[in-house]
Amino acid sequence: MIYCFYALRSEKDGRIYKGISKDVDQRLKWHNEGKTKSTRGYRPWNLVYIEKVGSLDTALSKEKFYKSGIGREILKELIKKWPRSSAE
């Protein structure tokens, strides 16, 4: 099963949410419907980055890294370069 690390940007205040999922489109829908408590108050959300990885362990490691100080800086650069159409 392929997992993905994904990043969302809030249209409300520009914050970035980082997560992992097997189905990013479904997760984005849940975030925007308010079904995810931690993101409910910052809707709507847009997908700004996705990275496909092979396993849950790898996805969790990516998420942990991108939530770290240096990882946040690297993610900002990846988001700037990421064209939505290339990951679909």
Protein backbone atom coordinates (compact mmCIF):
# COMPACT_ATOMS: atom_id res chain seq x y z
CA MET A 1 0.00 0.00 0.00
CA ILE A 2 1.36 3.42 -0.93
CA TYR A 3 1.23 6.17 1.64
CA CYS A 4 1.67 9.87 1.00
CA PHE A 5 3.02 12.73 3.01
CA TYR A 6 0.98 15.84 2.22
CA ALA A 7 0.93 19.51 3.10
CA LEU A 8 -2.12 21.78 3.07
CA ARG A 9 -2.28 25.56 3.23
CA SER A 10 -5.14 27.34 4.96
CA GLU A 11 -6.79 30.04 2.85
CA LYS A 12 -7.86 31.68 6.10
CA ASP A 13 -4.42 32.46 7.54
CA GLY A 14 -1.80 30.74 5.39
CA ARG A 15 -0.75 28.14 7.96
CA ILE A 16 0.61 24.83 6.72
CA TYR A 17 -0.79 21.51 7.96
CA LYS A 18 1.33 18.39 7.49
CA GLY A 19 -0.03 14.86 7.47
CA ILE A 20 0.04 11.38 5.97
CA SER A 21 -2.65 9.35 4.25
CA LYS A 22 -3.32 6.55 1.79
CA ASP A 23 -6.00 8.70 0.13
CA VAL A 24 -5.01 12.38 0.10
CA ASP A 25 -8.06 13.51 -1.87
CA GLN A 26 -10.37 11.99 0.75
CA ARG A 27 -8.34 13.51 3.61
CA LEU A 28 -8.47 16.95 1.96
CA LYS A 29 -12.24 16.58 1.68
CA TRP A 30 -12.47 15.70 5.41
CA HIS A 31 -10.31 18.69 6.34
CA ASN A 32 -12.54 21.00 4.32
CA GLU A 33 -15.75 19.49 5.71
CA GLY A 34 -14.56 20.11 9.27
CA LYS A 35 -14.28 16.43 10.16
CA THR A 36 -10.70 16.90 11.40
CA LYS A 37 -10.79 18.74 14.72
CA SER A 38 -7.29 20.23 14.52
CA THR A 39 -7.94 21.91 11.16
CA ARG A 40 -11.62 22.78 11.47
CA GLY A 41 -11.14 26.43 12.40
CA TYR A 42 -8.80 27.21 9.51
CA ARG A 43 -10.89 26.10 6.52
CA PRO A 44 -10.75 26.09 3.55
CA TRP A 45 -7.57 24.14 2.82
CA ASN A 46 -5.65 23.65 -0.43
CA LEU A 47 -3.22 20.88 -1.25
CA VAL A 48 0.21 22.48 -1.75
CA TYR A 49 2.55 19.47 -1.68
CA ILE A 50 2.40 15.70 -1.88
CA GLU A 51 5.14 13.09 -1.72
CA LYS A 52 4.41 9.42 -2.35
CA VAL A 53 6.32 6.98 -0.16
CA GLY A 54 6.32 3.20 0.07
CA SER A 55 5.40 2.42 3.64
CA LEU A 56 3.71 3.78 6.74
CA ASP A 57 7.06 3.92 8.57
CA THR A 58 8.59 6.03 5.80
CA ALA A 59 5.56 8.31 5.73
CA LEU A 60 5.73 8.81 9.51
CA SER A 61 9.45 9.61 9.25
CA LYS A 62 8.76 12.18 6.51
CA GLU A 63 6.03 13.79 8.60
CA LYS A 64 8.27 13.97 11.66
CA PHE A 65 11.11 15.48 9.62
CA TYR A 66 8.93 18.11 7.91
CA LYS A 67 7.56 19.16 11.29
CA SER A 68 11.11 19.80 12.58
CA GLY A 69 12.84 23.18 12.28
CA ILE A 70 15.04 22.39 9.28
CA GLY A 71 12.30 20.24 7.76
CA ARG A 72 9.86 23.18 7.80
CA GLU A 73 12.38 25.30 5.90
CA ILE A 74 12.97 22.57 3.31
CA LEU A 75 9.21 22.03 2.95
CA LYS A 76 8.69 25.75 2.24
CA GLU A 77 11.11 25.47 -0.67
CA LEU A 78 9.51 22.25 -1.95
CA ILE A 79 6.07 23.89 -1.86
CA LYS A 80 7.35 26.82 -3.96
CA LYS A 81 8.61 24.40 -6.62
CA TRP A 82 5.75 21.88 -6.53
CA PRO A 83 3.33 21.97 -9.45
CA ARG A 84 0.04 20.31 -8.50
CA SER A 85 -0.29 18.58 -11.87
CA SER A 86 2.99 16.64 -11.55
CA ALA A 87 1.86 14.54 -8.57
CA GLU A 88 -1.43 13.36 -9.99
